[in-house]
């Protein structure tokens, strides 16, 4: 990804494990239906578009309500303002496979309650509050295809990572024997079996 062609104020994604390791576990020329929960300025979205949507039938579904700071607490929420959603929209329009992207400006709970499709890859980087994160993981597992991957941000590290790790570990206990861990560090990635 040429990050210089995209506008951003925070470079979190460029320092992330998914940015460094995803293409080692996924072949961008295969067909993927990708779901992204929490998009912020779209650096992860354009990475998926530029690298993972090369197959003619691949898609990316982006879900983010873009609540302003104070609506839902979190590290990212303090950076959300009127410009963030516009930056996201501008960035995805510049991406390689932008015509394969659908954007749902809503809470993930609302999206999942109306969703009819399954996904091969789901990136969860939405609200980190335990009830939201738990619902996102349970819903994602429900709509994940066999052999599909869920990649979770902020699994390790300090706050809010510690809270995320505890929540994710408790939730994954519901699925013992139904997944394998394919990456574990600051982020966590599992494959459904």
N, C-alpha and C. Protein backbone atom coordinates (compact mmCIF):
# COMPACT_ATOMS: atom_id res chain seq x y z
N UNK A 1 0.86 -1.18 0.00
CA UNK A 1 0.00 0.00 0.00
C UNK A 1 0.89 1.23 0.00
N UNK A 2 0.60 2.14 -0.87
CA UNK A 2 1.32 3.41 -0.86
C UNK A 2 0.55 4.36 0.05
N UNK A 3 0.95 4.39 1.33
CA UNK A 3 0.22 5.21 2.30
C UNK A 3 0.24 6.69 1.95
N UNK A 4 1.13 7.09 1.06
CA UNK A 4 1.23 8.50 0.72
C UNK A 4 0.08 8.97 -0.17
N UNK A 5 -0.61 8.03 -0.79
CA UNK A 5 -1.75 8.43 -1.64
C UNK A 5 -3.01 8.62 -0.81
N UNK A 6 -2.97 8.23 0.46
CA UNK A 6 -4.13 8.33 1.34
C UNK A 6 -3.92 9.39 2.41
N UNK A 7 -5.02 9.98 2.84
CA UNK A 7 -5.00 11.00 3.88
C UNK A 7 -5.27 10.33 5.22
N UNK A 8 -4.49 10.66 6.24
CA UNK A 8 -4.74 10.12 7.57
C UNK A 8 -4.07 10.98 8.62
N UNK A 9 -4.64 10.98 9.82
CA UNK A 9 -4.06 11.72 10.94
C UNK A 9 -3.41 10.78 11.94
N UNK A 10 -3.84 9.50 11.93
CA UNK A 10 -3.29 8.49 12.84
C UNK A 10 -2.75 7.33 12.02
N UNK A 11 -1.56 6.86 12.36
CA UNK A 11 -0.92 5.78 11.59
C UNK A 11 -0.99 4.44 12.30
N UNK A 12 -1.98 4.26 13.19
CA UNK A 12 -2.09 3.02 13.96
C UNK A 12 -2.03 1.79 13.05
N UNK A 13 -2.80 1.80 11.97
CA UNK A 13 -2.88 0.62 11.11
C UNK A 13 -1.52 0.30 10.49
N UNK A 14 -0.76 1.31 10.13
CA UNK A 14 0.54 1.08 9.48
C UNK A 14 1.53 0.41 10.42
N UNK A 15 1.28 0.48 11.72
CA UNK A 15 2.13 -0.18 12.71
C UNK A 15 1.54 -1.49 13.20
N UNK A 16 0.41 -1.91 12.65
CA UNK A 16 -0.32 -3.07 13.16
C UNK A 16 0.24 -4.39 12.63
N UNK A 17 -0.07 -5.45 13.36
CA UNK A 17 0.35 -6.79 12.95
C UNK A 17 -0.39 -7.27 11.71
N UNK A 18 -1.65 -6.91 11.58
CA UNK A 18 -2.40 -7.32 10.40
C UNK A 18 -1.77 -6.73 9.14
N UNK A 19 -1.31 -5.52 9.21
CA UNK A 19 -0.65 -4.86 8.07
C UNK A 19 0.63 -5.62 7.69
N UNK A 20 1.35 -6.10 8.69
CA UNK A 20 2.62 -6.79 8.44
C UNK A 20 2.44 -8.26 8.07
N UNK A 21 1.41 -8.93 8.60
CA UNK A 21 1.34 -10.39 8.48
C UNK A 21 0.19 -10.94 7.65
N UNK A 22 -0.83 -10.17 7.37
CA UNK A 22 -2.02 -10.73 6.73
C UNK A 22 -1.71 -11.43 5.41
N UNK A 23 -0.89 -10.82 4.58
CA UNK A 23 -0.63 -11.39 3.27
C UNK A 23 0.23 -12.64 3.34
N UNK A 24 0.72 -12.98 4.54
CA UNK A 24 1.44 -14.24 4.73
C UNK A 24 0.47 -15.38 4.99
N UNK A 25 -0.75 -15.08 5.43
CA UNK A 25 -1.74 -16.13 5.69
C UNK A 25 -2.91 -16.10 4.71
N UNK A 26 -2.99 -15.07 3.88
CA UNK A 26 -4.06 -14.94 2.89
C UNK A 26 -3.48 -14.60 1.52
N UNK A 27 -4.08 -15.17 0.49
CA UNK A 27 -3.68 -14.90 -0.88
C UNK A 27 -4.69 -13.93 -1.48
N UNK A 28 -4.26 -12.73 -1.76
CA UNK A 28 -5.15 -11.68 -2.25
C UNK A 28 -5.80 -11.95 -3.59
N UNK A 29 -5.38 -13.02 -4.28
CA UNK A 29 -5.98 -13.35 -5.57
C UNK A 29 -7.14 -14.33 -5.43
N UNK A 30 -7.35 -14.86 -4.23
CA UNK A 30 -8.48 -15.74 -3.99
C UNK A 30 -9.73 -14.91 -3.72
N UNK A 31 -10.90 -15.56 -3.77
CA UNK A 31 -12.15 -14.86 -3.52
C UNK A 31 -12.34 -14.69 -2.01
N UNK A 32 -12.56 -13.45 -1.59
CA UNK A 32 -12.84 -13.14 -0.19
C UNK A 32 -14.04 -12.21 -0.10
N UNK A 33 -14.98 -12.57 0.77
CA UNK A 33 -15.98 -11.62 1.23
C UNK A 33 -15.47 -11.15 2.59
N UNK A 34 -15.11 -9.89 2.68
CA UNK A 34 -14.49 -9.33 3.88
C UNK A 34 -15.47 -8.41 4.58
N UNK A 35 -15.50 -8.51 5.89
CA UNK A 35 -16.26 -7.58 6.73
C UNK A 35 -15.28 -6.85 7.63
N UNK A 36 -15.42 -5.54 7.69
CA UNK A 36 -14.60 -4.73 8.59
C UNK A 36 -15.52 -3.98 9.54
N UNK A 37 -15.34 -4.21 10.84
CA UNK A 37 -16.13 -3.54 11.87
C UNK A 37 -15.23 -2.48 12.51
N UNK A 38 -15.53 -1.23 12.26
CA UNK A 38 -14.71 -0.12 12.73
C UNK A 38 -13.69 0.26 11.67
N UNK A 39 -13.90 1.38 11.03
CA UNK A 39 -13.08 1.75 9.86
C UNK A 39 -12.21 2.99 10.06
N UNK A 40 -12.60 3.87 10.97
CA UNK A 40 -11.91 5.12 11.24
C UNK A 40 -11.63 5.85 9.92
N UNK A 41 -10.38 6.16 9.60
CA UNK A 41 -10.06 6.93 8.39
C UNK A 41 -9.90 6.05 7.15
N UNK A 42 -10.01 4.74 7.33
CA UNK A 42 -10.01 3.85 6.18
C UNK A 42 -8.68 3.26 5.76
N UNK A 43 -7.63 3.39 6.58
CA UNK A 43 -6.35 2.80 6.16
C UNK A 43 -6.43 1.29 6.06
N UNK A 44 -7.15 0.65 6.97
CA UNK A 44 -7.32 -0.80 6.86
C UNK A 44 -8.20 -1.12 5.65
N UNK A 45 -9.23 -0.34 5.43
CA UNK A 45 -10.14 -0.57 4.30
C UNK A 45 -9.39 -0.50 2.97
N UNK A 46 -8.55 0.49 2.80
CA UNK A 46 -7.83 0.62 1.53
C UNK A 46 -6.76 -0.45 1.39
N UNK A 47 -6.21 -0.91 2.51
CA UNK A 47 -5.27 -2.04 2.47
C UNK A 47 -5.98 -3.28 1.93
N UNK A 48 -7.18 -3.55 2.47
CA UNK A 48 -7.95 -4.69 1.97
C UNK A 48 -8.29 -4.50 0.50
N UNK A 49 -8.73 -3.31 0.12
CA UNK A 49 -9.10 -3.03 -1.26
C UNK A 49 -7.91 -3.20 -2.21
N UNK A 50 -6.77 -2.70 -1.81
CA UNK A 50 -5.58 -2.75 -2.67
C UNK A 50 -4.95 -4.14 -2.74
N UNK A 51 -5.15 -4.97 -1.71
CA UNK A 51 -4.43 -6.23 -1.62
C UNK A 51 -5.29 -7.49 -1.59
N UNK A 52 -6.53 -7.40 -1.14
CA UNK A 52 -7.32 -8.60 -0.89
C UNK A 52 -8.55 -8.73 -1.79
N UNK A 53 -8.79 -7.78 -2.65
CA UNK A 53 -10.01 -7.82 -3.48
C UNK A 53 -9.69 -8.02 -4.95
N UNK A 54 -8.61 -8.72 -5.25
CA UNK A 54 -8.19 -8.88 -6.64
C UNK A 54 -9.07 -9.84 -7.43
N UNK A 55 -9.67 -10.82 -6.76
CA UNK A 55 -10.58 -11.74 -7.43
C UNK A 55 -11.84 -10.97 -7.85
N UNK A 56 -12.38 -11.30 -9.01
CA UNK A 56 -13.52 -10.54 -9.54
C UNK A 56 -14.75 -10.58 -8.64
N UNK A 57 -14.88 -11.62 -7.81
CA UNK A 57 -16.05 -11.75 -6.95
C UNK A 57 -15.80 -11.34 -5.50
N UNK A 58 -14.62 -10.86 -5.20
CA UNK A 58 -14.31 -10.42 -3.83
C UNK A 58 -15.05 -9.14 -3.49
N UNK A 59 -15.37 -9.01 -2.19
CA UNK A 59 -16.09 -7.82 -1.72
C UNK A 59 -15.54 -7.38 -0.37
N UNK A 60 -15.76 -6.13 -0.03
CA UNK A 60 -15.45 -5.59 1.29
C UNK A 60 -16.67 -4.83 1.79
N UNK A 61 -17.14 -5.21 2.98
CA UNK A 61 -18.25 -4.53 3.62
C UNK A 61 -17.70 -3.81 4.84
N UNK A 62 -17.82 -2.49 4.86
CA UNK A 62 -17.32 -1.66 5.95
C UNK A 62 -18.49 -1.18 6.80
N UNK A 63 -18.34 -1.33 8.13
CA UNK A 63 -19.39 -0.93 9.06
C UNK A 63 -18.80 -0.02 10.12
N UNK A 64 -19.34 1.19 10.22
CA UNK A 64 -18.89 2.14 11.24
C UNK A 64 -19.97 3.20 11.42
N UNK A 65 -20.40 3.46 12.66
CA UNK A 65 -21.43 4.49 12.87
C UNK A 65 -20.88 5.91 12.88
N UNK A 66 -19.57 6.05 13.04
CA UNK A 66 -18.92 7.35 13.14
C UNK A 66 -19.57 8.25 14.18
N UNK A 67 -19.75 7.69 15.38
CA UNK A 67 -20.21 8.51 16.50
C UNK A 67 -19.14 9.51 16.87
N UNK A 68 -19.56 10.71 17.19
CA UNK A 68 -18.62 11.73 17.65
C UNK A 68 -18.16 11.42 19.06
N UNK A 69 -17.03 11.99 19.41
CA UNK A 69 -16.44 11.79 20.72
C UNK A 69 -17.47 12.01 21.82
N UNK A 70 -17.46 11.10 22.79
CA UNK A 70 -18.38 11.20 23.91
C UNK A 70 -19.59 10.30 23.77
N UNK A 71 -19.92 9.88 22.53
CA UNK A 71 -21.07 9.00 22.34
C UNK A 71 -20.77 7.62 22.92
N UNK A 72 -19.62 7.07 22.54
CA UNK A 72 -19.14 5.80 23.07
C UNK A 72 -17.68 6.00 23.39
N UNK A 73 -17.29 5.72 24.61
CA UNK A 73 -15.92 5.95 25.04
C UNK A 73 -14.95 4.99 24.36
N UNK A 74 -13.74 5.43 24.15
CA UNK A 74 -12.69 4.60 23.59
C UNK A 74 -11.57 5.47 23.06
N UNK A 75 -10.43 4.84 22.78
CA UNK A 75 -9.27 5.57 22.29
C UNK A 75 -9.59 6.25 20.97
N UNK A 76 -10.16 5.51 20.04
CA UNK A 76 -10.44 6.05 18.72
C UNK A 76 -11.53 7.11 18.77
N UNK A 77 -12.54 6.93 19.63
CA UNK A 77 -13.68 7.86 19.64
C UNK A 77 -13.27 9.29 19.93
N UNK A 78 -12.18 9.48 20.67
CA UNK A 78 -11.78 10.86 20.95
C UNK A 78 -11.24 11.57 19.71
N UNK A 79 -10.94 10.82 18.66
CA UNK A 79 -10.45 11.40 17.41
C UNK A 79 -11.56 11.58 16.37
N UNK A 80 -12.73 11.01 16.64
CA UNK A 80 -13.81 11.09 15.66
C UNK A 80 -14.42 12.48 15.66
N UNK A 81 -14.47 13.07 14.48
CA UNK A 81 -15.09 14.37 14.29
C UNK A 81 -15.74 14.36 12.90
N UNK A 82 -16.26 15.49 12.48
CA UNK A 82 -16.97 15.55 11.20
C UNK A 82 -16.10 15.19 10.01
N UNK A 83 -14.79 15.36 10.13
CA UNK A 83 -13.90 15.10 9.01
C UNK A 83 -13.54 13.63 8.84
N UNK A 84 -13.63 12.84 9.90
CA UNK A 84 -13.15 11.45 9.84
C UNK A 84 -13.92 10.62 8.82
N UNK A 85 -15.23 10.71 8.84
CA UNK A 85 -16.04 9.95 7.88
C UNK A 85 -15.74 10.41 6.45
N UNK A 86 -15.59 11.71 6.24
CA UNK A 86 -15.26 12.22 4.91
C UNK A 86 -13.89 11.72 4.46
N UNK A 87 -12.93 11.67 5.37
CA UNK A 87 -11.61 11.15 5.05
C UNK A 87 -11.71 9.69 4.64
N UNK A 88 -12.48 8.91 5.40
CA UNK A 88 -12.71 7.50 5.05
C UNK A 88 -13.27 7.38 3.63
N UNK A 89 -14.32 8.14 3.32
CA UNK A 89 -14.95 8.07 2.01
C UNK A 89 -13.99 8.48 0.89
N UNK A 90 -13.20 9.53 1.13
CA UNK A 90 -12.21 9.96 0.15
C UNK A 90 -11.16 8.88 -0.07
N UNK A 91 -10.68 8.29 1.01
CA UNK A 91 -9.64 7.26 0.91
C UNK A 91 -10.12 6.04 0.14
N UNK A 92 -11.31 5.53 0.45
CA UNK A 92 -11.74 4.32 -0.26
C UNK A 92 -11.97 4.59 -1.75
N UNK A 93 -12.36 5.81 -2.10
CA UNK A 93 -12.54 6.14 -3.52
C UNK A 93 -11.22 6.10 -4.29
N UNK A 94 -10.10 6.29 -3.59
CA UNK A 94 -8.78 6.25 -4.22
C UNK A 94 -8.21 4.84 -4.31
N UNK A 95 -8.85 3.89 -3.63
CA UNK A 95 -8.29 2.54 -3.55
C UNK A 95 -8.52 1.75 -4.84
N UNK A 96 -7.71 0.74 -5.02
CA UNK A 96 -7.66 -0.05 -6.24
C UNK A 96 -9.01 -0.68 -6.61
N UNK A 97 -9.68 -1.26 -5.65
CA UNK A 97 -10.92 -1.99 -5.93
C UNK A 97 -12.12 -1.35 -5.25
N UNK A 98 -12.17 -0.02 -5.29
CA UNK A 98 -13.20 0.71 -4.55
C UNK A 98 -14.62 0.34 -4.97
N UNK A 99 -14.81 -0.12 -6.18
CA UNK A 99 -16.16 -0.48 -6.64
C UNK A 99 -16.68 -1.74 -5.96
N UNK A 100 -15.82 -2.46 -5.27
CA UNK A 100 -16.22 -3.69 -4.58
C UNK A 100 -16.48 -3.44 -3.09
N UNK A 101 -16.52 -2.17 -2.70
CA UNK A 101 -16.70 -1.81 -1.29
C UNK A 101 -18.12 -1.30 -1.06
N UNK A 102 -18.74 -1.82 -0.01
CA UNK A 102 -20.03 -1.30 0.47
C UNK A 102 -19.80 -0.72 1.85
N UNK A 103 -20.41 0.43 2.10
CA UNK A 103 -20.27 1.09 3.40
C UNK A 103 -21.62 1.16 4.08
N UNK A 104 -21.66 0.72 5.33
CA UNK A 104 -22.87 0.79 6.15
C UNK A 104 -22.58 1.71 7.34
N UNK A 105 -23.16 2.89 7.30
CA UNK A 105 -22.95 3.90 8.35
C UNK A 105 -23.93 3.61 9.50
N UNK A 106 -23.57 2.60 10.31
CA UNK A 106 -24.46 2.15 11.37
C UNK A 106 -23.67 1.35 12.40
N UNK A 107 -24.33 1.08 13.52
CA UNK A 107 -23.75 0.22 14.55
C UNK A 107 -23.66 -1.21 13.99
N UNK A 108 -22.67 -1.94 14.45
CA UNK A 108 -22.52 -3.32 13.99
C UNK A 108 -23.72 -4.17 14.40
N UNK A 109 -24.32 -3.91 15.57
CA UNK A 109 -25.51 -4.65 15.98
C UNK A 109 -26.63 -4.52 14.95
N UNK A 110 -26.83 -3.31 14.44
CA UNK A 110 -27.85 -3.06 13.42
C UNK A 110 -27.49 -3.79 12.14
N UNK A 111 -26.23 -3.71 11.75
CA UNK A 111 -25.79 -4.39 10.54
C UNK A 111 -26.06 -5.90 10.65
N UNK A 112 -25.61 -6.51 11.74
CA UNK A 112 -25.77 -7.96 11.88
C UNK A 112 -27.24 -8.37 11.95
N UNK A 113 -28.08 -7.54 12.53
CA UNK A 113 -29.50 -7.91 12.65
C UNK A 113 -30.18 -7.98 11.28
N UNK A 114 -29.62 -7.33 10.27
CA UNK A 114 -30.18 -7.35 8.92
C UNK A 114 -29.34 -8.13 7.92
N UNK A 115 -28.19 -8.64 8.36
CA UNK A 115 -27.25 -9.29 7.45
C UNK A 115 -27.76 -10.65 6.96
N UNK A 116 -27.52 -10.92 5.68
CA UNK A 116 -27.93 -12.19 5.07
C UNK A 116 -26.76 -12.96 4.47
N UNK A 117 -25.54 -12.41 4.50
CA UNK A 117 -24.42 -13.07 3.83
C UNK A 117 -23.38 -13.53 4.85
N UNK A 118 -22.52 -14.43 4.39
CA UNK A 118 -21.42 -14.91 5.23
C UNK A 118 -20.10 -14.35 4.69
N UNK A 119 -19.09 -14.42 5.54
CA UNK A 119 -17.80 -13.80 5.21
C UNK A 119 -16.66 -14.80 5.35
N UNK A 120 -15.61 -14.54 4.60
CA UNK A 120 -14.39 -15.35 4.65
C UNK A 120 -13.36 -14.74 5.58
N UNK A 121 -13.48 -13.45 5.80
CA UNK A 121 -12.51 -12.74 6.64
C UNK A 121 -13.24 -11.59 7.33
N UNK A 122 -13.05 -11.48 8.64
CA UNK A 122 -13.68 -10.40 9.40
C UNK A 122 -12.62 -9.74 10.27
N UNK A 123 -12.51 -8.43 10.14
CA UNK A 123 -11.58 -7.63 10.96
C UNK A 123 -12.41 -6.85 11.96
N UNK A 124 -12.18 -7.13 13.26
CA UNK A 124 -12.92 -6.45 14.32
C UNK A 124 -12.03 -5.41 14.99
N UNK A 125 -12.38 -4.15 14.78
CA UNK A 125 -11.68 -3.04 15.43
C UNK A 125 -12.71 -1.94 15.73
N UNK A 126 -13.85 -2.37 16.26
CA UNK A 126 -14.92 -1.44 16.60
C UNK A 126 -14.85 -1.04 18.06
N UNK A 127 -16.00 -0.86 18.66
CA UNK A 127 -16.08 -0.45 20.07
C UNK A 127 -15.48 -1.54 20.96
N UNK A 128 -14.63 -1.13 21.89
CA UNK A 128 -13.93 -2.08 22.75
C UNK A 128 -14.64 -2.35 24.08
N UNK A 129 -15.75 -1.67 24.33
CA UNK A 129 -16.49 -1.95 25.56
C UNK A 129 -16.92 -3.41 25.54
N UNK A 130 -16.78 -4.13 26.66
CA UNK A 130 -17.05 -5.58 26.67
C UNK A 130 -18.38 -6.01 26.05
N UNK A 131 -19.51 -5.35 26.34
CA UNK A 131 -20.76 -5.83 25.71
C UNK A 131 -20.73 -5.73 24.18
N UNK A 132 -20.19 -4.63 23.65
CA UNK A 132 -20.11 -4.45 22.20
C UNK A 132 -19.15 -5.46 21.59
N UNK A 133 -17.97 -5.60 22.19
CA UNK A 133 -16.95 -6.51 21.67
C UNK A 133 -17.46 -7.95 21.70
N UNK A 134 -18.13 -8.33 22.77
CA UNK A 134 -18.70 -9.68 22.87
C UNK A 134 -19.70 -9.93 21.76
N UNK A 135 -20.62 -9.00 21.55
CA UNK A 135 -21.62 -9.16 20.49
C UNK A 135 -20.96 -9.20 19.11
N UNK A 136 -19.94 -8.35 18.90
CA UNK A 136 -19.26 -8.37 17.61
C UNK A 136 -18.60 -9.72 17.35
N UNK A 137 -17.98 -10.28 18.35
CA UNK A 137 -17.30 -11.57 18.17
C UNK A 137 -18.31 -12.70 17.97
N UNK A 138 -19.37 -12.73 18.76
CA UNK A 138 -20.39 -13.77 18.61
C UNK A 138 -21.07 -13.67 17.25
N UNK A 139 -21.45 -12.46 16.84
CA UNK A 139 -22.07 -12.28 15.53
C UNK A 139 -21.11 -12.62 14.40
N UNK A 140 -19.85 -12.24 14.56
CA UNK A 140 -18.87 -12.54 13.52
C UNK A 140 -18.69 -14.04 13.36
N UNK A 141 -18.61 -14.76 14.47
CA UNK A 141 -18.45 -16.22 14.39
C UNK A 141 -19.66 -16.84 13.69
N UNK A 142 -20.83 -16.31 13.97
CA UNK A 142 -22.07 -16.82 13.36
C UNK A 142 -22.06 -16.65 11.84
N UNK A 143 -21.52 -15.51 11.36
CA UNK A 143 -21.54 -15.20 9.93
C UNK A 143 -20.20 -15.49 9.23
N UNK A 144 -19.33 -16.27 9.88
CA UNK A 144 -18.03 -16.61 9.31
C UNK A 144 -18.11 -17.98 8.64
N UNK A 145 -17.61 -18.06 7.43
CA UNK A 145 -17.57 -19.33 6.71
C UNK A 145 -16.57 -20.29 7.34
N UNK A 146 -16.76 -21.59 7.10
CA UNK A 146 -15.78 -22.60 7.50
C UNK A 146 -14.42 -22.24 6.90
N UNK A 147 -13.38 -22.32 7.67
CA UNK A 147 -12.01 -21.92 7.30
C UNK A 147 -11.84 -20.40 7.23
N UNK A 148 -12.87 -19.65 7.58
CA UNK A 148 -12.76 -18.20 7.58
C UNK A 148 -11.93 -17.70 8.76
N UNK A 149 -11.48 -16.46 8.65
CA UNK A 149 -10.59 -15.86 9.65
C UNK A 149 -11.27 -14.67 10.31
N UNK A 150 -11.16 -14.60 11.63
CA UNK A 150 -11.50 -13.39 12.38
C UNK A 150 -10.19 -12.83 12.92
N UNK A 151 -9.92 -11.56 12.62
CA UNK A 151 -8.71 -10.88 13.10
C UNK A 151 -9.18 -9.78 14.04
N UNK A 152 -8.68 -9.82 15.27
CA UNK A 152 -9.12 -8.88 16.31
C UNK A 152 -7.99 -7.93 16.69
N UNK A 153 -8.32 -6.66 16.75
CA UNK A 153 -7.33 -5.65 17.15
C UNK A 153 -7.31 -5.53 18.68
N UNK A 154 -6.22 -4.98 19.19
CA UNK A 154 -6.08 -4.61 20.61
C UNK A 154 -6.27 -5.79 21.57
N UNK A 155 -5.82 -6.98 21.18
CA UNK A 155 -5.93 -8.15 22.06
C UNK A 155 -4.93 -8.07 23.22
N UNK A 156 -3.71 -7.72 22.93
CA UNK A 156 -2.68 -7.66 23.96
C UNK A 156 -2.34 -6.23 24.32
N UNK A 157 -1.45 -6.08 25.25
CA UNK A 157 -1.01 -4.74 25.62
C UNK A 157 -1.80 -4.17 26.78
N UNK A 158 -1.57 -2.91 27.03
CA UNK A 158 -2.21 -2.23 28.17
C UNK A 158 -3.64 -1.86 27.85
N UNK A 159 -4.20 -0.97 28.65
CA UNK A 159 -5.57 -0.55 28.43
C UNK A 159 -5.70 0.15 27.09
N UNK A 160 -6.74 -0.11 26.29
CA UNK A 160 -7.85 -1.01 26.59
C UNK A 160 -7.55 -2.46 26.27
N UNK A 161 -6.31 -2.75 25.86
CA UNK A 161 -5.97 -4.11 25.45
C UNK A 161 -6.25 -5.16 26.51
N UNK A 162 -5.95 -4.86 27.77
CA UNK A 162 -6.19 -5.84 28.83
C UNK A 162 -7.67 -6.17 28.92
N UNK A 163 -8.51 -5.15 28.82
CA UNK A 163 -9.95 -5.36 28.85
C UNK A 163 -10.37 -6.18 27.62
N UNK A 164 -9.80 -5.87 26.47
CA UNK A 164 -10.14 -6.60 25.25
C UNK A 164 -9.72 -8.06 25.37
N UNK A 165 -8.51 -8.32 25.89
CA UNK A 165 -8.03 -9.69 26.01
C UNK A 165 -8.96 -10.51 26.89
N UNK A 166 -9.33 -9.99 28.05
CA UNK A 166 -10.23 -10.72 28.95
C UNK A 166 -11.57 -10.99 28.28
N UNK A 167 -12.13 -9.99 27.62
CA UNK A 167 -13.42 -10.15 26.95
C UNK A 167 -13.33 -11.17 25.82
N UNK A 168 -12.29 -11.06 25.01
CA UNK A 168 -12.12 -11.98 23.88
C UNK A 168 -11.90 -13.40 24.38
N UNK A 169 -11.06 -13.57 25.38
CA UNK A 169 -10.80 -14.92 25.92
C UNK A 169 -12.09 -15.55 26.45
N UNK A 170 -12.89 -14.78 27.20
CA UNK A 170 -14.16 -15.31 27.72
C UNK A 170 -15.09 -15.70 26.58
N UNK A 171 -15.16 -14.87 25.58
CA UNK A 171 -16.05 -15.13 24.45
C UNK A 171 -15.57 -16.35 23.65
N UNK A 172 -14.28 -16.46 23.43
CA UNK A 172 -13.77 -17.59 22.65
C UNK A 172 -13.94 -18.91 23.38
N UNK A 173 -14.09 -18.88 24.71
CA UNK A 173 -14.37 -20.11 25.45
C UNK A 173 -15.67 -20.75 24.98
N UNK A 174 -16.58 -19.95 24.45
CA UNK A 174 -17.84 -20.49 23.91
C UNK A 174 -17.60 -21.35 22.67
N UNK A 175 -16.45 -21.16 22.02
CA UNK A 175 -16.18 -21.81 20.75
C UNK A 175 -15.00 -22.78 20.81
N UNK A 176 -14.68 -23.27 22.00
CA UNK A 176 -13.55 -24.21 22.14
C UNK A 176 -13.72 -25.38 21.17
N UNK A 177 -12.63 -25.70 20.48
CA UNK A 177 -12.65 -26.78 19.52
C UNK A 177 -13.21 -26.40 18.16
N UNK A 178 -13.65 -25.15 18.01
CA UNK A 178 -14.25 -24.71 16.75
C UNK A 178 -13.37 -23.70 16.00
N UNK A 179 -12.16 -23.48 16.52
CA UNK A 179 -11.24 -22.56 15.86
C UNK A 179 -9.80 -22.94 16.21
N UNK A 180 -8.88 -22.44 15.41
CA UNK A 180 -7.46 -22.53 15.73
C UNK A 180 -6.90 -21.11 15.71
N UNK A 181 -5.90 -20.88 16.53
CA UNK A 181 -5.23 -19.57 16.56
C UNK A 181 -4.16 -19.57 15.47
N UNK A 182 -4.21 -18.58 14.60
CA UNK A 182 -3.20 -18.47 13.54
C UNK A 182 -2.24 -17.30 13.77
N UNK A 183 -2.60 -16.41 14.68
CA UNK A 183 -1.69 -15.32 15.05
C UNK A 183 -2.06 -14.86 16.46
N UNK A 184 -1.04 -14.65 17.28
CA UNK A 184 -1.28 -14.15 18.64
C UNK A 184 -0.16 -13.21 19.01
N UNK A 185 -0.53 -11.98 19.30
CA UNK A 185 0.40 -10.94 19.69
C UNK A 185 -0.42 -9.80 20.25
N UNK A 186 -0.12 -8.59 19.82
CA UNK A 186 -0.98 -7.47 20.20
C UNK A 186 -2.37 -7.66 19.59
N UNK A 187 -2.41 -8.28 18.41
CA UNK A 187 -3.66 -8.66 17.77
C UNK A 187 -3.80 -10.18 17.83
N UNK A 188 -5.02 -10.66 17.64
CA UNK A 188 -5.29 -12.08 17.66
C UNK A 188 -6.06 -12.45 16.40
N UNK A 189 -5.66 -13.55 15.76
CA UNK A 189 -6.36 -14.04 14.58
C UNK A 189 -6.69 -15.51 14.78
N UNK A 190 -7.94 -15.86 14.47
CA UNK A 190 -8.38 -17.25 14.58
C UNK A 190 -8.96 -17.70 13.25
N UNK A 191 -8.87 -19.01 13.00
CA UNK A 191 -9.49 -19.61 11.82
C UNK A 191 -10.57 -20.57 12.29
N UNK A 192 -11.76 -20.44 11.74
CA UNK A 192 -12.88 -21.31 12.11
C UNK A 192 -12.68 -22.69 11.49
N UNK A 193 -12.85 -23.74 12.31
CA UNK A 193 -12.68 -25.11 11.81
C UNK A 193 -13.98 -25.88 11.96
